[in-house]
C-alpha atoms as a PDB file:
ATOM      1  CA  MET A   1     -96.365 102.865 -78.668  1.00  0.00           C
ATOM      2  CA  ILE A   2     -96.339  99.128 -79.282  1.00  0.00           C
ATOM      3  CA  LEU A   3     -99.728  97.660 -80.098  1.00  0.00           C
ATOM      4  CA  ALA A   4    -100.599  94.023 -79.856  1.00  0.00           C
ATOM      5  CA  SER A   5    -103.711  91.955 -80.373  1.00  0.00           C
ATOM      6  CA  LEU A   6    -105.149  89.293 -78.117  1.00  0.00           C
ATOM      7  CA  SER A   7    -107.247  86.338 -79.192  1.00  0.00           C
ATOM      8  CA  ALA A   8    -109.384  84.484 -76.628  1.00  0.00           C
ATOM      9  CA  THR A   9    -107.044  85.504 -73.808  1.00  0.00           C
ATOM     10  CA  GLU A  10    -107.835  85.365 -70.091  1.00  0.00           C
ATOM     11  CA  LEU A  11    -107.531  88.795 -68.471  1.00  0.00           C
ATOM     12  CA  TYR A  12    -107.920  89.824 -64.816  1.00  0.00           C
ATOM     13  CA  ARG A  13    -109.209  92.759 -62.808  1.00  0.00           C
ATOM     14  CA  ALA A  14    -109.575  93.372 -59.069  1.00  0.00           C
ATOM     15  CA  HIS A  15    -112.627  95.516 -58.252  1.00  0.00           C
ATOM     16  CA  THR A  16    -113.744  97.313 -55.131  1.00  0.00           C
ATOM     17  CA  PRO A  17    -117.074  95.912 -53.926  1.00  0.00           C
ATOM     18  CA  ARG A  18    -118.938  99.084 -54.964  1.00  0.00           C
ATOM     19  CA  TRP A  19    -118.048  98.506 -58.648  1.00  0.00           C
ATOM     20  CA  SER A  20    -118.272  94.708 -58.666  1.00  0.00           C
ATOM     21  CA  PHE A  21    -121.859  94.818 -59.967  1.00  0.00           C
ATOM     22  CA  ALA A  22    -120.586  96.163 -63.321  1.00  0.00           C
ATOM     23  CA  PRO A  23    -117.092  94.725 -63.834  1.00  0.00           C
ATOM     24  CA  LEU A  24    -116.842  95.728 -67.502  1.00  0.00           C
ATOM     25  CA  SER A  25    -118.168  99.288 -67.234  1.00  0.00           C
ATOM     26  CA  GLY A  26    -114.956 101.276 -66.702  1.00  0.00           C
ATOM     27  CA  ALA A  27    -117.080 103.794 -64.767  1.00  0.00           C
ATOM     28  CA  GLY A  28    -114.945 103.522 -61.639  1.00  0.00           C
ATOM     29  CA  ALA A  29    -111.881 104.762 -63.512  1.00  0.00           C
ATOM     30  CA  ALA A  30    -113.905 107.694 -64.850  1.00  0.00           C
ATOM     31  CA  VAL A  31    -114.709 109.015 -61.366  1.00  0.00           C
ATOM     32  CA  GLN A  32    -111.214 110.377 -60.669  1.00  0.00           C
ATOM     33  CA  GLY A  33    -109.275 109.451 -63.783  1.00  0.00           C
ATOM     34  CA  GLY A  34    -106.339 107.103 -63.873  1.00  0.00           C
ATOM     35  CA  ARG A  35    -102.846 106.579 -65.184  1.00  0.00           C
ATOM     36  CA  PHE A  36    -104.067 106.318 -68.770  1.00  0.00           C
ATOM     37  CA  ASN A  37    -107.496 107.978 -68.704  1.00  0.00           C
ATOM     38  CA  ARG A  38    -108.691 111.446 -67.800  1.00  0.00           C
ATOM     39  CA  LYS A  39    -111.501 112.163 -65.334  1.00  0.00           C
ATOM     40  CA  GLY A  40    -114.844 111.508 -67.009  1.00  0.00           C
ATOM     41  CA  ILE A  41    -113.422 108.962 -69.480  1.00  0.00           C
ATOM     42  CA  GLU A  42    -114.289 105.345 -68.781  1.00  0.00           C
ATOM     43  CA  ALA A  43    -111.398 102.885 -68.942  1.00  0.00           C
ATOM     44  CA  LEU A  44    -111.097  99.219 -68.147  1.00  0.00           C
ATOM     45  CA  TYR A  45    -107.678  98.254 -66.825  1.00  0.00           C
ATOM     46  CA  LEU A  46    -106.969  94.539 -67.267  1.00  0.00           C
ATOM     47  CA  THR A  47    -103.880  92.383 -66.889  1.00  0.00           C
ATOM     48  CA  LEU A  48    -102.678  88.972 -67.999  1.00  0.00           C
ATOM     49  CA  GLU A  49    -101.931  87.788 -64.445  1.00  0.00           C
ATOM     50  CA  ALA A  50    -104.142  87.670 -61.343  1.00  0.00           C
ATOM     51  CA  LYS A  51    -101.213  88.688 -59.102  1.00  0.00           C
ATOM     52  CA  THR A  52    -100.712  91.866 -61.151  1.00  0.00           C
ATOM     53  CA  ALA A  53    -104.398  92.763 -60.799  1.00  0.00           C
ATOM     54  CA  LEU A  54    -104.088  92.363 -57.020  1.00  0.00           C
ATOM     55  CA  ALA A  55    -100.870  94.403 -56.918  1.00  0.00           C
ATOM     56  CA  GLU A  56    -102.562  97.234 -58.857  1.00  0.00           C
ATOM     57  CA  TYR A  57    -105.497  97.116 -56.458  1.00  0.00           C
ATOM     58  CA  GLN A  58    -103.178  97.384 -53.465  1.00  0.00           C
ATOM     59  CA  GLN A  59    -100.889 100.092 -54.824  1.00  0.00           C
ATOM     60  CA  VAL A  60    -102.411 102.821 -52.649  1.00  0.00           C
ATOM     61  CA  SER A  61    -102.396 100.719 -49.485  1.00  0.00           C
ATOM     62  CA  PRO A  62    -102.134  96.988 -48.797  1.00  0.00           C
ATOM     63  CA  LEU A  63    -104.896  97.438 -46.208  1.00  0.00           C
ATOM     64  CA  LEU A  64    -107.703  98.309 -48.625  1.00  0.00           C
ATOM     65  CA  GLU A  65    -111.161  96.852 -48.343  1.00  0.00           C
ATOM     66  CA  PRO A  66    -111.704  93.363 -49.759  1.00  0.00           C
ATOM     67  CA  CYS A  67    -111.832  93.082 -53.526  1.00  0.00           C
ATOM     68  CA  MET A  68    -113.545  90.942 -56.096  1.00  0.00           C
ATOM     69  CA  LEU A  69    -111.129  89.371 -58.574  1.00  0.00           C
ATOM     70  CA  THR A  70    -112.711  88.788 -61.968  1.00  0.00           C
ATOM     71  CA  SER A  71    -111.425  87.026 -65.041  1.00  0.00           C
ATOM     72  CA  HIS A  72    -112.573  87.644 -68.585  1.00  0.00           C
ATOM     73  CA  ILE A  73    -111.917  85.848 -71.841  1.00  0.00           C
ATOM     74  CA  ALA A  74    -111.402  88.523 -74.459  1.00  0.00           C
ATOM     75  CA  SER A  75    -110.247  89.133 -77.978  1.00  0.00           C
ATOM     76  CA  VAL A  76    -108.915  92.641 -78.441  1.00  0.00           C
ATOM     77  CA  GLY A  77    -107.770  94.119 -81.719  1.00  0.00           C
ATOM     78  CA  ARG A  78    -105.473  96.869 -80.401  1.00  0.00           C
ATOM     79  CA  VAL A  79    -103.980  97.025 -76.938  1.00  0.00           C
ATOM     80  CA  VAL A  80    -100.914  98.760 -75.542  1.00  0.00           C
ATOM     81  CA  ASP A  81     -98.557  96.028 -74.383  1.00  0.00           C
ATOM     82  CA  LEU A  82     -96.541  97.499 -71.506  1.00  0.00           C
ATOM     83  CA  ARG A  83     -94.598  94.249 -71.094  1.00  0.00           C
ATOM     84  CA  GLN A  84     -92.636  95.358 -74.131  1.00  0.00           C
ATOM     85  CA  PHE A  85     -91.560  98.614 -72.481  1.00  0.00           C
ATOM     86  CA  ASP A  86     -87.861  97.957 -72.376  1.00  0.00           C
ATOM     87  CA  GLY A  87     -86.483 101.460 -72.774  1.00  0.00           C
ATOM     88  CA  SER A  88     -85.801 100.917 -76.454  1.00  0.00           C
ATOM     89  CA  ASP A  89     -86.183 103.753 -78.920  1.00  0.00           C
ATOM     90  CA  VAL A  90     -89.358 102.288 -80.455  1.00  0.00           C
ATOM     91  CA  TRP A  91     -91.351 104.018 -77.706  1.00  0.00           C
ATOM     92  CA  ASP A  92     -92.254 107.682 -78.014  1.00  0.00           C
ATOM     93  CA  PRO A  93     -90.412 109.723 -75.317  1.00  0.00           C
ATOM     94  CA  LEU A  94     -93.836 110.589 -73.847  1.00  0.00           C
ATOM     95  CA  TRP A  95     -93.963 107.059 -72.422  1.00  0.00           C
ATOM     96  CA  THR A  96     -90.686 107.276 -70.462  1.00  0.00           C
ATOM     97  CA  ASP A  97     -92.535 108.384 -67.323  1.00  0.00           C
ATOM     98  CA  TRP A  98     -95.507 106.015 -67.559  1.00  0.00           C
ATOM     99  CA  ASP A  99     -94.741 104.470 -64.162  1.00  0.00           C
ATOM    100  CA  THR A 100     -94.318 107.699 -62.144  1.00  0.00           C
ATOM    101  CA  ASP A 101     -96.418 108.344 -59.051  1.00  0.00           C
ATOM    102  CA  TRP A 102     -99.288 109.852 -61.038  1.00  0.00           C
ATOM    103  CA  ARG A 103    -101.619 109.844 -58.015  1.00  0.00           C
ATOM    104  CA  ASN A 104     -99.310 112.255 -56.187  1.00  0.00           C
ATOM    105  CA  PHE A 105     -99.171 114.603 -59.192  1.00  0.00           C
ATOM    106  CA  ALA A 106    -102.900 114.456 -59.918  1.00  0.00           C
ATOM    107  CA  PHE A 107    -104.469 114.411 -56.467  1.00  0.00           C
ATOM    108  CA  ASN A 108    -101.932 115.961 -54.086  1.00  0.00           C
ATOM    109  CA  LEU A 109    -100.087 118.444 -56.291  1.00  0.00           C
ATOM    110  CA  ARG A 110    -103.022 119.026 -58.694  1.00  0.00           C
ATOM    111  CA  ILE A 111    -100.684 118.768 -61.691  1.00  0.00           C
ATOM    112  CA  ARG A 112    -102.191 117.359 -64.869  1.00  0.00           C
ATOM    113  CA  TYR A 113    -100.487 116.463 -68.106  1.00  0.00           C
ATOM    114  CA  HIS A 114    -102.240 118.142 -71.037  1.00  0.00           C
ATOM    115  CA  GLY A 115    -100.137 116.834 -73.905  1.00  0.00           C
END
């Protein structure tokens, strides 16, 4: 896992209207779990580009309800930098499937990774 730090960096998130009242809570991700968090664990998914935040929001369907795009200036000591995922051997093999269709496994097939 490659860790990076960010200093006074602008980060973006697209929220559904029902979670827009608390954009930093991470509670929405805890409801069903996500790619990198289990159900019941709050997580705040942010990105360096607004277009990536919108693409993440629309990954289930491009016809979702309207969203609220937020930007945050943050300094973070340790963050996983997925831009550096280049298939090199510095990544643990666990990460080779980070971009699989996790929603299908978790919600349709009811398969969970318990590593």
